[in-house]
């Protein structure tokens, strides 16, 4: 009797083991497509030598590399850079003066002049800032030009394009389990720079960041709202304003900040040379040269 019971228990144990084995096999079969897919993603990336980036954890080095690739894309698509060494040195001096007081001053900033009659300016990632010859002509003085450059540095400080890239990549379903191919990021970044305006929130943030840089660098901070208002009052408003939304509200916000600010030496003595308000000097150095 005991032997019969023992045999019965042994059989039940064997059936139980077979049942567990079947469940495990079924789990492997069900999970196999996901495992194979994950392996194939990594194997393909390793085989192709593709650099994949997680947009939520982009390093400063990667950010600069993305900026370099976007710059190359823009050049391939027909962007023409102005080759005047004196003008480029002048814009770089203004930019570096602002970078010195920027929250992200350790980035290797690159300031470039685009040969384009349209009034425009933009920034990508990793310190790449662009101003058009049309915008340089539209400015009355150095402080107004500096205000635009400071605003664009503000976008880089706030990593606004990187955030827009991540949101767009998620919306379009481009991000894989490994991340996003850097060449895809560069293509998408170029598209966003050329065709899609940043949000009003990002513009307001870049304004405030830029204004702080203007004050710290001893430029006349009043030049920022003054230049915006000048462009807004033109009979034919530049397309630059359509990619920088809410200009009237931004002017009010800037004027309110300036009214509450302790200011700098330019608020006490606007005639000082470093304030950048000398229209005649700017005309001679920039506008006459561009007209030639």
Protein backbone atom coordinates (compact mmCIF):
# COMPACT_ATOMS: atom_id res chain seq x y z
CA UNK A 1 0.00 0.00 0.00
CA UNK A 2 2.79 2.39 0.91
CA UNK A 3 4.61 1.50 -2.29
CA UNK A 4 1.52 2.36 -4.37
CA UNK A 5 1.22 5.74 -2.65
CA UNK A 6 4.91 6.42 -3.23
CA UNK A 7 4.58 5.64 -6.95
CA UNK A 8 1.52 7.91 -7.13
CA UNK A 9 3.41 10.80 -5.54
CA UNK A 10 6.36 10.27 -7.87
CA UNK A 11 4.08 10.43 -10.90
CA UNK A 12 2.42 13.62 -9.63
CA UNK A 13 5.86 15.19 -9.10
CA UNK A 14 6.93 14.25 -12.62
CA UNK A 15 3.75 15.77 -14.08
CA UNK A 16 4.30 18.92 -12.01
CA UNK A 17 7.85 19.26 -13.37
CA UNK A 18 6.62 18.77 -16.92
CA UNK A 19 3.99 21.47 -16.34
CA UNK A 20 6.58 23.95 -15.06
CA UNK A 21 8.82 23.14 -18.01
CA UNK A 22 5.98 23.82 -20.43
CA UNK A 23 5.20 27.17 -18.79
CA UNK A 24 8.88 28.20 -18.99
CA UNK A 25 9.10 27.18 -22.65
CA UNK A 26 5.94 29.13 -23.43
CA UNK A 27 7.42 32.21 -21.72
CA UNK A 28 10.59 31.98 -23.80
CA UNK A 29 8.52 31.65 -26.99
CA UNK A 30 6.36 34.65 -26.09
CA UNK A 31 9.35 36.82 -25.09
CA UNK A 32 11.58 35.71 -27.95
CA UNK A 33 10.44 38.43 -30.44
CA UNK A 34 11.21 41.18 -27.91
CA UNK A 35 14.58 39.61 -27.04
CA UNK A 36 15.49 39.14 -30.70
CA UNK A 37 14.33 42.70 -31.48
CA UNK A 38 16.45 44.21 -28.68
CA UNK A 39 19.46 42.12 -29.74
CA UNK A 40 18.99 43.08 -33.39
CA UNK A 41 18.89 46.80 -32.51
CA UNK A 42 22.19 46.63 -30.64
CA UNK A 43 23.84 44.25 -33.15
CA UNK A 44 22.85 46.52 -36.05
CA UNK A 45 24.15 49.63 -34.29
CA UNK A 46 27.44 47.95 -33.34
CA UNK A 47 27.87 46.53 -36.86
CA UNK A 48 27.15 49.87 -38.55
CA UNK A 49 29.21 51.89 -36.08
CA UNK A 50 26.27 54.23 -35.44
CA UNK A 51 26.49 56.56 -32.44
CA UNK A 52 23.21 56.49 -30.56
CA UNK A 53 22.32 59.23 -28.12
CA UNK A 54 19.76 59.34 -25.34
CA UNK A 55 18.30 62.83 -25.71
CA UNK A 56 17.48 62.96 -22.01
CA UNK A 57 21.17 62.65 -21.06
CA UNK A 58 23.11 64.50 -23.76
CA UNK A 59 26.66 65.39 -22.68
CA UNK A 60 28.25 68.74 -23.54
CA UNK A 61 30.57 66.95 -25.99
CA UNK A 62 27.64 65.27 -27.74
CA UNK A 63 25.76 68.57 -27.83
CA UNK A 64 28.68 70.23 -29.63
CA UNK A 65 28.90 67.33 -32.09
CA UNK A 66 25.18 67.63 -32.84
CA UNK A 67 25.66 71.36 -33.43
CA UNK A 68 28.53 70.62 -35.83
CA UNK A 69 26.39 68.18 -37.81
CA UNK A 70 23.47 70.61 -38.00
CA UNK A 71 25.89 73.29 -39.21
CA UNK A 72 27.12 70.96 -41.98
CA UNK A 73 23.52 70.16 -42.94
CA UNK A 74 22.66 73.86 -43.16
CA UNK A 75 25.67 74.49 -45.40
CA UNK A 76 24.74 71.58 -47.65
CA UNK A 77 21.24 72.98 -47.94
CA UNK A 78 22.56 76.29 -49.26
CA UNK A 79 23.25 78.51 -46.25
CA UNK A 80 25.95 81.01 -47.27
CA UNK A 81 28.32 82.40 -44.66
CA UNK A 82 29.74 85.90 -44.91
CA UNK A 83 33.51 85.76 -45.37
CA UNK A 84 34.44 89.27 -44.20
CA UNK A 85 37.09 88.61 -41.50
CA UNK A 86 36.62 91.99 -39.80
CA UNK A 87 32.86 91.58 -39.50
CA UNK A 88 33.20 88.02 -38.24
CA UNK A 89 35.78 89.11 -35.68
CA UNK A 90 33.46 91.90 -34.55
CA UNK A 91 30.46 89.57 -34.08
CA UNK A 92 32.67 87.03 -32.30
CA UNK A 93 33.95 89.73 -29.92
CA UNK A 94 30.38 90.67 -29.02
CA UNK A 95 29.46 87.03 -28.59
CA UNK A 96 32.46 86.15 -26.43
CA UNK A 97 31.84 89.21 -24.24
CA UNK A 98 28.38 87.80 -23.52
CA UNK A 99 29.59 84.20 -23.19
CA UNK A 100 31.99 85.32 -20.45
CA UNK A 101 28.97 86.04 -18.22
CA UNK A 102 26.80 83.17 -19.47
CA UNK A 103 25.71 80.25 -17.31
CA UNK A 104 27.14 77.91 -19.97
CA UNK A 105 30.32 79.78 -20.75
CA UNK A 106 32.46 76.63 -20.95
CA UNK A 107 30.92 75.58 -24.26
CA UNK A 108 33.09 76.37 -27.34
CA UNK A 109 30.77 78.96 -28.91
CA UNK A 110 30.83 79.57 -32.67
CA UNK A 111 29.32 82.82 -33.96
CA UNK A 112 28.63 83.02 -37.69
CA UNK A 113 27.24 85.62 -40.08
CA UNK A 114 24.79 84.34 -42.69
CA UNK A 115 24.70 86.24 -45.98
CA UNK A 116 20.96 86.84 -46.18
CA UNK A 117 18.98 90.07 -46.56
CA UNK A 118 16.22 88.65 -44.34
CA UNK A 119 16.24 89.84 -40.73
CA UNK A 120 16.93 86.67 -38.80
CA UNK A 121 18.97 85.01 -36.07
CA UNK A 122 18.94 81.54 -34.58
CA UNK A 123 20.92 79.11 -32.44
CA UNK A 124 21.25 75.33 -32.57
CA UNK A 125 23.16 73.32 -29.95
CA UNK A 126 26.65 73.24 -28.53
CA UNK A 127 27.27 76.97 -28.89
CA UNK A 128 26.35 77.55 -32.55
CA UNK A 129 24.82 81.01 -33.05
CA UNK A 130 23.89 82.64 -36.36
CA UNK A 131 22.93 86.22 -37.32
CA UNK A 132 22.06 87.39 -40.84
CA UNK A 133 23.53 90.40 -42.62
CA UNK A 134 19.95 91.65 -42.89
CA UNK A 135 19.61 91.72 -39.11
CA UNK A 136 22.97 93.45 -38.71
CA UNK A 137 21.80 96.18 -41.10
CA UNK A 138 18.49 96.54 -39.26
CA UNK A 139 20.18 97.18 -35.90
CA UNK A 140 20.90 100.81 -35.01
CA UNK A 141 23.86 100.09 -32.77
CA UNK A 142 26.06 97.41 -31.20
CA UNK A 143 23.84 97.02 -28.15
CA UNK A 144 20.85 96.09 -30.33
CA UNK A 145 22.92 93.49 -32.18
CA UNK A 146 24.27 92.23 -28.84
CA UNK A 147 20.70 91.89 -27.53
CA UNK A 148 19.85 89.43 -30.32
CA UNK A 149 23.06 87.45 -29.82
CA UNK A 150 22.39 87.35 -26.05
CA UNK A 151 18.86 86.06 -26.71
CA UNK A 152 20.23 83.25 -28.90
CA UNK A 153 22.85 82.32 -26.28
CA UNK A 154 19.89 82.20 -23.87
CA UNK A 155 18.33 79.45 -26.01
CA UNK A 156 21.56 77.43 -25.72
CA UNK A 157 21.68 78.06 -21.97
CA UNK A 158 18.13 76.75 -21.64
CA UNK A 159 18.79 73.77 -24.00
CA UNK A 160 15.58 74.70 -25.80
CA UNK A 161 16.35 72.99 -29.11
CA UNK A 162 17.41 69.79 -27.32
CA UNK A 163 14.08 69.74 -25.49
CA UNK A 164 12.20 70.37 -28.74
CA UNK A 165 14.18 67.59 -30.43
CA UNK A 166 13.28 65.10 -27.72
CA UNK A 167 9.58 66.00 -27.75
CA UNK A 168 9.39 65.82 -31.55
CA UNK A 169 11.28 62.51 -31.68
CA UNK A 170 8.90 60.98 -29.12
CA UNK A 171 5.84 62.30 -30.97
CA UNK A 172 7.09 60.82 -34.25
CA UNK A 173 8.10 57.52 -32.65
CA UNK A 174 11.74 57.88 -33.70
CA UNK A 175 13.38 56.94 -30.40
CA UNK A 176 14.31 53.24 -30.21
CA UNK A 177 15.19 51.18 -27.13
CA UNK A 178 18.81 52.22 -27.62
CA UNK A 179 18.15 55.91 -28.23
CA UNK A 180 18.32 57.99 -31.40
CA UNK A 181 20.93 57.90 -34.17
CA UNK A 182 22.95 61.14 -34.13
CA UNK A 183 22.50 61.66 -37.88
CA UNK A 184 18.72 61.46 -37.37
CA UNK A 185 19.02 64.04 -34.58
CA UNK A 186 20.99 66.35 -36.91
CA UNK A 187 18.39 66.02 -39.69
CA UNK A 188 15.55 66.67 -37.27
CA UNK A 189 17.40 69.59 -35.66
CA UNK A 190 17.95 71.20 -39.06
CA UNK A 191 14.26 70.84 -39.87
CA UNK A 192 13.20 72.39 -36.58
CA UNK A 193 15.61 75.32 -36.91
CA UNK A 194 14.45 76.15 -40.42
CA UNK A 195 10.73 75.50 -40.18
CA UNK A 196 9.40 75.42 -36.63
CA UNK A 197 9.34 78.31 -34.15
CA UNK A 198 10.20 77.76 -30.52
CA UNK A 199 7.41 78.13 -27.99
CA UNK A 200 6.47 81.44 -26.43
CA UNK A 201 7.66 80.05 -23.11
CA UNK A 202 11.13 79.35 -24.55
CA UNK A 203 11.26 82.81 -26.14
CA UNK A 204 10.40 84.53 -22.86
CA UNK A 205 13.00 82.41 -21.07
CA UNK A 206 15.69 83.26 -23.65
CA UNK A 207 14.78 86.96 -23.34
CA UNK A 208 15.28 86.96 -19.59
CA UNK A 209 18.52 84.98 -19.82
CA UNK A 210 19.78 87.32 -22.54
CA UNK A 211 18.84 90.41 -20.56
CA UNK A 212 20.82 89.16 -17.55
CA UNK A 213 23.85 88.67 -19.82
CA UNK A 214 23.43 92.19 -21.23
CA UNK A 215 23.46 93.69 -17.73
CA UNK A 216 26.46 91.62 -16.58
CA UNK A 217 28.42 92.41 -19.74
CA UNK A 218 27.73 96.15 -19.29
CA UNK A 219 25.64 96.61 -22.40
CA UNK A 220 22.61 98.93 -22.32
CA UNK A 221 19.81 96.49 -21.49
CA UNK A 222 17.21 98.92 -22.89
CA UNK A 223 18.48 98.01 -26.37
CA UNK A 224 16.72 94.62 -26.27
CA UNK A 225 13.09 95.81 -26.02
CA UNK A 226 13.95 98.86 -28.18
CA UNK A 227 15.13 96.69 -31.08
CA UNK A 228 12.12 94.36 -30.78
CA UNK A 229 9.78 97.34 -30.82
CA UNK A 230 11.56 98.82 -33.83
CA UNK A 231 11.06 95.61 -35.84
CA UNK A 232 7.46 95.35 -34.66
CA UNK A 233 6.69 98.90 -35.84
CA UNK A 234 7.93 98.34 -39.39
CA UNK A 235 5.27 98.43 -42.11
CA UNK A 236 6.54 95.09 -43.36
CA UNK A 237 7.42 93.10 -40.26
CA UNK A 238 10.31 90.66 -40.85
CA UNK A 239 9.66 86.92 -40.90
CA UNK A 240 12.04 86.77 -37.92
CA UNK A 241 9.09 87.83 -35.74
CA UNK A 242 6.93 84.92 -36.91
CA UNK A 243 9.53 82.47 -35.63
CA UNK A 244 9.85 84.43 -32.36
CA UNK A 245 6.21 84.58 -31.19
CA UNK A 246 4.50 87.01 -28.83
CA UNK A 247 6.86 89.95 -29.44
CA UNK A 248 4.55 92.62 -27.96
CA UNK A 249 4.19 90.60 -24.74
CA UNK A 250 7.92 90.00 -24.64
CA UNK A 251 8.63 93.74 -24.93
CA UNK A 252 6.35 94.41 -21.95
CA UNK A 253 7.97 91.65 -19.91
CA UNK A 254 11.47 92.97 -20.67
CA UNK A 255 10.53 96.56 -19.80
CA UNK A 256 9.02 95.36 -16.52
CA UNK A 257 12.20 93.44 -15.66
CA UNK A 258 14.41 96.43 -16.52
CA UNK A 259 12.25 98.74 -14.37
CA UNK A 260 12.77 96.45 -11.35
CA UNK A 261 16.46 95.74 -12.05
CA UNK A 262 19.38 97.38 -10.30
CA UNK A 263 20.88 97.79 -13.77
CA UNK A 264 24.54 98.45 -14.56
CA UNK A 265 26.86 101.35 -15.40
CA UNK A 266 24.93 102.01 -18.63
CA UNK A 267 21.76 102.84 -16.69
CA UNK A 268 23.73 105.52 -14.84
CA UNK A 269 25.70 106.79 -17.83
CA UNK A 270 24.43 105.51 -21.23
CA UNK A 271 27.06 107.54 -23.08
CA UNK A 272 29.89 105.28 -21.97
CA UNK A 273 31.55 103.61 -24.95
CA UNK A 274 31.05 100.04 -23.71
CA UNK A 275 27.28 100.46 -23.53
CA UNK A 276 27.02 99.98 -27.30
CA UNK A 277 24.63 102.87 -28.01
CA UNK A 278 26.83 104.84 -30.41
CA UNK A 279 24.85 104.70 -33.66
CA UNK A 280 27.48 106.52 -35.74
CA UNK A 281 30.24 104.14 -34.67
CA UNK A 282 28.10 101.12 -35.53
CA UNK A 283 27.13 102.65 -38.89
CA UNK A 284 30.78 103.08 -39.79
CA UNK A 285 31.89 99.65 -38.59
CA UNK A 286 29.03 97.49 -39.80
CA UNK A 287 26.29 99.02 -41.91
CA UNK A 288 28.57 100.91 -44.33
CA UNK A 289 30.70 97.79 -44.74
CA UNK A 290 27.67 95.63 -45.52
CA UNK A 291 26.40 98.23 -47.96
CA UNK A 292 29.66 98.08 -49.88
